[in-house]
Each structure stands twice: as C-alpha cells, then as structure tokens.
C-alpha cells in the first residue's frame, strides 16, 4: 500500500509539472486521498479500541528502556511495548511475570496485569 501511494504521488507530481491547467484538480484529489486515508485509520482504530476482541500475551519482563518494555513470551518470542503512562511504568519491574492484553488489529496495549507465580 505504501508503494502504491508513493507511485500515485509521483505520477501526480509529474502530471502537475507537465500541464498546469490540472493543478487545482490534482491538489484537490491529493487532499481528498489524504483526508480519506486519515479518516479510515482513525475509524479503524476507534472500532478496534471499542470492540472486545483482545490478544493475550503472557511472559516475563526482560528489561525496561525508558517508556519501552521488552517482554519474553512463554513461547520464547521477544515483544516490545511502548507504555506512555508513567504510573504504570513505575509499577513494572524486571523479571516480573505479566499478562498484556492488546487490541486485535492495531496491537495497542490496553491492560497489563501482574501474574502471581505459585511457588510450591
């Protein structure tokens, strides 16, 4: 999609350079495409946040680098999550077991839970 957008933008600019009488039409068309794609992204993100479909990831926090936490999943994959709320970052510690609930489409972290380990 990014490649097709770049090709469209390039062909639009070349069209504007060759013939000036289509200049207002091309600016209007490019503006329409930008607004349409921005609205689509906003609507999909809002629908994703409102819906109840969530992905659950369990693992152990490997390290915390500023606002980014690295979690090693139970299946051995390393995931990075950016946490913007400082109060939540203060509660997280290295080698802590957590469960992260993310949205289905945009994979935004919605909830982080501390998992109590049973030591028997």
N, C-alpha and C. Protein backbone atom coordinates (compact mmCIF):
# COMPACT_ATOMS: atom_id res chain seq x y z
N UNK A 1 0.82 -1.18 0.00
CA UNK A 1 0.00 0.00 0.00
C UNK A 1 0.87 1.24 0.00
N UNK A 2 1.99 1.18 0.72
CA UNK A 2 2.90 2.32 0.76
C UNK A 2 3.52 2.56 -0.62
N UNK A 3 3.86 1.48 -1.29
CA UNK A 3 4.47 1.61 -2.63
C UNK A 3 3.47 2.21 -3.60
N UNK A 4 2.23 1.74 -3.56
CA UNK A 4 1.22 2.28 -4.48
C UNK A 4 0.94 3.75 -4.17
N UNK A 5 0.98 4.13 -2.89
CA UNK A 5 0.78 5.54 -2.52
C UNK A 5 1.92 6.40 -3.05
N UNK A 6 3.14 5.90 -2.95
CA UNK A 6 4.29 6.65 -3.47
C UNK A 6 4.22 6.78 -4.99
N UNK A 7 3.82 5.69 -5.66
CA UNK A 7 3.69 5.75 -7.12
C UNK A 7 2.60 6.74 -7.53
N UNK A 8 1.49 6.75 -6.81
CA UNK A 8 0.42 7.69 -7.11
C UNK A 8 0.87 9.12 -6.90
N UNK A 9 1.58 9.36 -5.81
CA UNK A 9 2.08 10.70 -5.54
C UNK A 9 3.09 11.14 -6.60
N UNK A 10 3.98 10.25 -7.00
CA UNK A 10 4.96 10.57 -8.03
C UNK A 10 4.29 10.88 -9.36
N UNK A 11 3.34 10.04 -9.75
CA UNK A 11 2.66 10.29 -11.02
C UNK A 11 1.84 11.57 -10.96
N UNK A 12 1.29 11.90 -9.80
CA UNK A 12 0.53 13.14 -9.66
C UNK A 12 1.43 14.36 -9.79
N UNK A 13 2.60 14.28 -9.17
CA UNK A 13 3.54 15.41 -9.26
C UNK A 13 4.04 15.57 -10.69
N UNK A 14 4.32 14.46 -11.37
CA UNK A 14 4.76 14.56 -12.77
C UNK A 14 3.65 15.12 -13.64
N UNK A 15 2.41 14.76 -13.36
CA UNK A 15 1.29 15.31 -14.10
C UNK A 15 1.14 16.80 -13.87
N UNK A 16 1.40 17.26 -12.65
CA UNK A 16 1.33 18.68 -12.36
C UNK A 16 2.44 19.46 -13.06
N UNK A 17 3.60 18.88 -13.17
CA UNK A 17 4.73 19.56 -13.81
C UNK A 17 4.46 19.72 -15.31
N UNK A 18 3.87 18.72 -15.93
CA UNK A 18 3.66 18.74 -17.38
C UNK A 18 2.54 19.68 -17.83
N UNK A 19 1.46 19.76 -17.06
CA UNK A 19 0.32 20.54 -17.51
C UNK A 19 -0.26 21.32 -16.34
N UNK A 20 -0.17 22.65 -16.41
CA UNK A 20 -0.59 23.48 -15.30
C UNK A 20 -2.10 23.68 -15.20
N UNK A 21 -2.87 23.35 -16.21
CA UNK A 21 -4.31 23.61 -16.13
C UNK A 21 -5.01 22.60 -15.22
N UNK A 22 -4.36 21.47 -14.90
CA UNK A 22 -4.94 20.49 -13.98
C UNK A 22 -4.44 20.68 -12.54
N UNK A 23 -3.72 21.76 -12.30
CA UNK A 23 -3.13 22.00 -10.98
C UNK A 23 -4.17 22.02 -9.85
N UNK A 24 -5.28 22.79 -9.94
CA UNK A 24 -6.26 22.78 -8.84
C UNK A 24 -6.94 21.41 -8.66
N UNK A 25 -7.17 20.71 -9.76
CA UNK A 25 -7.81 19.40 -9.67
C UNK A 25 -6.90 18.40 -8.97
N UNK A 26 -5.61 18.43 -9.27
CA UNK A 26 -4.67 17.49 -8.66
C UNK A 26 -4.50 17.77 -7.17
N UNK A 27 -4.43 19.06 -6.81
CA UNK A 27 -4.34 19.37 -5.38
C UNK A 27 -5.59 18.92 -4.64
N UNK A 28 -6.73 19.09 -5.23
CA UNK A 28 -7.98 18.63 -4.63
C UNK A 28 -8.01 17.12 -4.49
N UNK A 29 -7.54 16.41 -5.52
CA UNK A 29 -7.53 14.95 -5.49
C UNK A 29 -6.57 14.42 -4.43
N UNK A 30 -5.37 15.01 -4.35
CA UNK A 30 -4.40 14.59 -3.35
C UNK A 30 -4.93 14.89 -1.94
N UNK A 31 -5.55 16.05 -1.76
CA UNK A 31 -6.14 16.40 -0.47
C UNK A 31 -7.24 15.40 -0.11
N UNK A 32 -8.07 15.03 -1.07
CA UNK A 32 -9.13 14.06 -0.84
C UNK A 32 -8.55 12.71 -0.39
N UNK A 33 -7.50 12.24 -1.05
CA UNK A 33 -6.88 10.97 -0.69
C UNK A 33 -6.28 11.00 0.71
N UNK A 34 -5.64 12.10 1.06
CA UNK A 34 -5.03 12.21 2.39
C UNK A 34 -6.11 12.21 3.48
N UNK A 35 -7.17 12.98 3.27
CA UNK A 35 -8.25 13.04 4.26
C UNK A 35 -8.96 11.70 4.36
N UNK A 36 -9.20 11.03 3.24
CA UNK A 36 -9.88 9.73 3.25
C UNK A 36 -9.05 8.68 3.98
N UNK A 37 -7.76 8.63 3.72
CA UNK A 37 -6.92 7.64 4.40
C UNK A 37 -6.79 7.95 5.89
N UNK A 38 -6.71 9.21 6.26
CA UNK A 38 -6.63 9.57 7.68
C UNK A 38 -7.91 9.20 8.42
N UNK A 39 -9.06 9.48 7.82
CA UNK A 39 -10.33 9.11 8.43
C UNK A 39 -10.47 7.60 8.57
N UNK A 40 -10.02 6.87 7.56
CA UNK A 40 -10.09 5.41 7.62
C UNK A 40 -9.26 4.87 8.78
N UNK A 41 -8.06 5.39 8.94
CA UNK A 41 -7.20 4.94 10.03
C UNK A 41 -7.82 5.27 11.39
N UNK A 42 -8.37 6.46 11.53
CA UNK A 42 -8.99 6.87 12.80
C UNK A 42 -10.20 5.99 13.11
N UNK A 43 -11.05 5.73 12.12
CA UNK A 43 -12.25 4.92 12.33
C UNK A 43 -11.89 3.48 12.70
N UNK A 44 -10.91 2.90 12.01
CA UNK A 44 -10.49 1.52 12.31
C UNK A 44 -9.90 1.45 13.72
N UNK A 45 -9.11 2.43 14.12
CA UNK A 45 -8.52 2.44 15.45
C UNK A 45 -9.60 2.57 16.53
N UNK A 46 -10.58 3.43 16.32
CA UNK A 46 -11.66 3.60 17.29
C UNK A 46 -12.48 2.31 17.41
N UNK A 47 -12.82 1.70 16.29
CA UNK A 47 -13.57 0.44 16.32
C UNK A 47 -12.76 -0.64 17.02
N UNK A 48 -11.46 -0.66 16.79
CA UNK A 48 -10.59 -1.66 17.42
C UNK A 48 -10.54 -1.47 18.93
N UNK A 49 -10.48 -0.22 19.40
CA UNK A 49 -10.42 0.04 20.83
C UNK A 49 -11.75 -0.25 21.52
N UNK A 50 -12.87 -0.02 20.84
CA UNK A 50 -14.19 -0.21 21.44
C UNK A 50 -14.58 -1.69 21.48
N UNK A 51 -14.15 -2.45 20.49
CA UNK A 51 -14.53 -3.87 20.44
C UNK A 51 -13.88 -4.65 21.58
N UNK A 52 -14.43 -5.80 21.88
CA UNK A 52 -13.93 -6.62 22.98
C UNK A 52 -12.92 -7.67 22.54
N UNK A 53 -12.53 -7.69 21.29
CA UNK A 53 -11.55 -8.65 20.81
C UNK A 53 -10.16 -8.23 21.28
N UNK A 54 -9.53 -9.07 22.07
CA UNK A 54 -8.22 -8.78 22.61
C UNK A 54 -7.29 -9.98 22.42
N UNK A 55 -6.02 -9.69 22.30
CA UNK A 55 -4.98 -10.72 22.26
C UNK A 55 -4.29 -10.72 23.61
N UNK A 56 -4.07 -11.90 24.14
CA UNK A 56 -3.43 -12.03 25.45
C UNK A 56 -2.02 -12.57 25.26
N UNK A 57 -1.07 -11.90 25.88
CA UNK A 57 0.33 -12.31 25.83
C UNK A 57 0.82 -12.44 27.27
N UNK A 58 1.36 -13.60 27.59
CA UNK A 58 1.94 -13.82 28.92
C UNK A 58 3.44 -13.98 28.78
N UNK A 59 4.16 -13.41 29.72
CA UNK A 59 5.60 -13.54 29.67
C UNK A 59 6.27 -12.85 30.83
N UNK A 60 7.58 -12.69 30.70
CA UNK A 60 8.40 -12.11 31.74
C UNK A 60 9.07 -10.86 31.19
N UNK A 61 9.09 -9.80 31.98
CA UNK A 61 9.73 -8.55 31.56
C UNK A 61 11.24 -8.75 31.60
N UNK A 62 11.88 -8.58 30.45
CA UNK A 62 13.33 -8.73 30.36
C UNK A 62 14.03 -7.45 30.80
N UNK A 63 13.65 -6.32 30.21
CA UNK A 63 14.22 -5.05 30.62
C UNK A 63 13.27 -3.91 30.29
N UNK A 64 13.53 -2.77 30.92
CA UNK A 64 12.73 -1.57 30.70
C UNK A 64 13.68 -0.48 30.24
N UNK A 65 13.44 0.05 29.03
CA UNK A 65 14.28 1.09 28.45
C UNK A 65 13.42 2.33 28.25
N UNK A 66 13.44 3.23 29.19
CA UNK A 66 12.62 4.43 29.09
C UNK A 66 11.14 4.07 29.15
N UNK A 67 10.42 4.32 28.06
CA UNK A 67 8.99 4.00 28.00
C UNK A 67 8.72 2.66 27.32
N UNK A 68 9.76 1.96 26.91
CA UNK A 68 9.59 0.69 26.20
C UNK A 68 9.96 -0.46 27.12
N UNK A 69 9.03 -1.45 27.19
CA UNK A 69 9.32 -2.66 27.96
C UNK A 69 9.47 -3.81 26.98
N UNK A 70 10.44 -4.67 27.25
CA UNK A 70 10.65 -5.87 26.45
C UNK A 70 10.16 -7.07 27.25
N UNK A 71 9.25 -7.84 26.64
CA UNK A 71 8.66 -9.00 27.31
C UNK A 71 9.02 -10.25 26.52
N UNK A 72 9.55 -11.24 27.23
CA UNK A 72 9.84 -12.54 26.65
C UNK A 72 8.62 -13.43 26.88
N UNK A 73 7.93 -13.78 25.77
CA UNK A 73 6.71 -14.59 25.87
C UNK A 73 7.04 -15.99 26.36
N UNK A 74 5.99 -16.71 26.74
CA UNK A 74 6.17 -18.09 27.18
C UNK A 74 6.64 -18.99 26.04
N UNK A 75 6.36 -18.58 24.79
CA UNK A 75 6.81 -19.37 23.64
C UNK A 75 8.18 -18.94 23.13
N UNK A 76 8.86 -18.03 23.83
CA UNK A 76 10.24 -17.67 23.50
C UNK A 76 10.39 -16.46 22.60
N UNK A 77 9.31 -15.80 22.23
CA UNK A 77 9.41 -14.62 21.36
C UNK A 77 9.52 -13.35 22.20
N UNK A 78 10.32 -12.40 21.71
CA UNK A 78 10.51 -11.13 22.40
C UNK A 78 9.56 -10.10 21.81
N UNK A 79 8.75 -9.47 22.65
CA UNK A 79 7.81 -8.44 22.22
C UNK A 79 8.18 -7.12 22.89
N UNK A 80 8.00 -6.03 22.15
CA UNK A 80 8.26 -4.69 22.67
C UNK A 80 6.95 -3.94 22.76
N UNK A 81 6.73 -3.30 23.88
CA UNK A 81 5.54 -2.49 24.09
C UNK A 81 5.95 -1.12 24.60
N UNK A 82 5.31 -0.09 24.05
CA UNK A 82 5.57 1.28 24.49
C UNK A 82 4.47 1.68 25.45
N UNK A 83 4.84 2.00 26.68
CA UNK A 83 3.91 2.38 27.72
C UNK A 83 4.07 3.88 27.98
N UNK A 84 3.00 4.64 27.76
CA UNK A 84 3.07 6.09 27.85
C UNK A 84 2.69 6.64 29.22
N UNK A 85 2.10 5.83 30.08
CA UNK A 85 1.64 6.31 31.38
C UNK A 85 2.72 6.03 32.43
N UNK A 86 3.29 7.09 33.04
CA UNK A 86 4.41 6.90 33.98
C UNK A 86 4.03 6.10 35.23
N UNK A 87 2.78 6.21 35.69
CA UNK A 87 2.37 5.49 36.89
C UNK A 87 2.44 3.98 36.67
N UNK A 88 2.11 3.53 35.48
CA UNK A 88 2.17 2.10 35.17
C UNK A 88 3.63 1.66 35.04
N UNK A 89 4.46 2.48 34.43
CA UNK A 89 5.87 2.14 34.29
C UNK A 89 6.56 1.99 35.65
N UNK A 90 6.15 2.80 36.62
CA UNK A 90 6.76 2.73 37.95
C UNK A 90 6.43 1.40 38.64
N UNK A 91 5.27 0.80 38.33
CA UNK A 91 4.86 -0.45 38.96
C UNK A 91 5.55 -1.67 38.35
N UNK A 92 6.07 -1.53 37.13
CA UNK A 92 6.69 -2.66 36.44
C UNK A 92 8.16 -2.79 36.81
N UNK A 93 8.59 -4.04 37.00
CA UNK A 93 9.98 -4.30 37.37
C UNK A 93 10.53 -5.43 36.48
N UNK A 94 11.83 -5.47 36.36
CA UNK A 94 12.49 -6.52 35.59
C UNK A 94 12.25 -7.88 36.27
N UNK A 95 12.14 -8.93 35.46
CA UNK A 95 11.88 -10.31 35.89
C UNK A 95 10.50 -10.49 36.53
N UNK A 96 9.59 -9.61 36.24
CA UNK A 96 8.22 -9.72 36.73
C UNK A 96 7.37 -10.42 35.68
N UNK A 97 6.52 -11.36 36.11
CA UNK A 97 5.62 -12.05 35.17
C UNK A 97 4.39 -11.19 34.97
N UNK A 98 4.05 -10.93 33.70
CA UNK A 98 2.91 -10.08 33.38
C UNK A 98 2.06 -10.72 32.29
N UNK A 99 0.83 -10.23 32.20
CA UNK A 99 -0.08 -10.60 31.13
C UNK A 99 -0.51 -9.30 30.47
N UNK A 100 -0.28 -9.19 29.16
CA UNK A 100 -0.59 -7.97 28.42
C UNK A 100 -1.77 -8.25 27.50
N UNK A 101 -2.82 -7.43 27.62
CA UNK A 101 -3.98 -7.51 26.73
C UNK A 101 -3.84 -6.41 25.69
N UNK A 102 -3.84 -6.81 24.41
CA UNK A 102 -3.69 -5.87 23.30
C UNK A 102 -4.91 -5.93 22.40
N UNK A 103 -5.15 -4.83 21.66
CA UNK A 103 -6.24 -4.83 20.70
C UNK A 103 -5.89 -5.76 19.55
N UNK A 104 -6.91 -6.24 18.87
CA UNK A 104 -6.73 -7.27 17.84
C UNK A 104 -6.02 -6.72 16.59
N UNK A 105 -6.48 -5.58 16.08
CA UNK A 105 -5.96 -5.07 14.80
C UNK A 105 -4.72 -4.20 14.98
N UNK A 106 -4.80 -3.19 15.84
CA UNK A 106 -3.70 -2.24 15.95
C UNK A 106 -2.64 -2.65 16.97
N UNK A 107 -2.91 -3.70 17.75
CA UNK A 107 -1.98 -4.26 18.73
C UNK A 107 -1.53 -3.23 19.76
N UNK A 108 -2.45 -2.34 20.17
CA UNK A 108 -2.18 -1.37 21.21
C UNK A 108 -2.39 -2.03 22.57
N UNK A 109 -1.46 -1.86 23.51
CA UNK A 109 -1.66 -2.47 24.83
C UNK A 109 -2.78 -1.76 25.58
N UNK A 110 -3.77 -2.54 26.04
CA UNK A 110 -4.92 -1.98 26.77
C UNK A 110 -4.79 -2.19 28.27
N UNK A 111 -4.23 -3.31 28.65
CA UNK A 111 -4.18 -3.65 30.07
C UNK A 111 -2.95 -4.51 30.34
N UNK A 112 -2.30 -4.24 31.47
CA UNK A 112 -1.15 -5.03 31.90
C UNK A 112 -1.45 -5.54 33.30
N UNK A 113 -1.40 -6.85 33.47
CA UNK A 113 -1.68 -7.47 34.77
C UNK A 113 -0.45 -8.18 35.28
N UNK A 114 -0.22 -8.08 36.57
CA UNK A 114 0.86 -8.82 37.22
C UNK A 114 0.35 -10.22 37.52
N UNK A 115 1.13 -11.24 37.16
CA UNK A 115 0.74 -12.63 37.40
C UNK A 115 1.49 -13.12 38.64
N UNK A 116 0.73 -13.60 39.61
CA UNK A 116 1.34 -14.17 40.79
C UNK A 116 1.80 -15.58 40.47
N UNK A 117 3.06 -15.86 40.72
CA UNK A 117 3.60 -17.21 40.48
C UNK A 117 3.39 -18.06 41.70
N UNK A 118 2.91 -19.27 41.48
CA UNK A 118 2.72 -20.23 42.58
C UNK A 118 4.06 -20.91 42.85
N UNK A 119 4.61 -20.69 44.05
CA UNK A 119 5.86 -21.34 44.42
C UNK A 119 5.51 -22.50 45.34
N UNK A 120 5.63 -23.71 44.84
CA UNK A 120 5.25 -24.88 45.63
C UNK A 120 6.44 -25.75 45.92
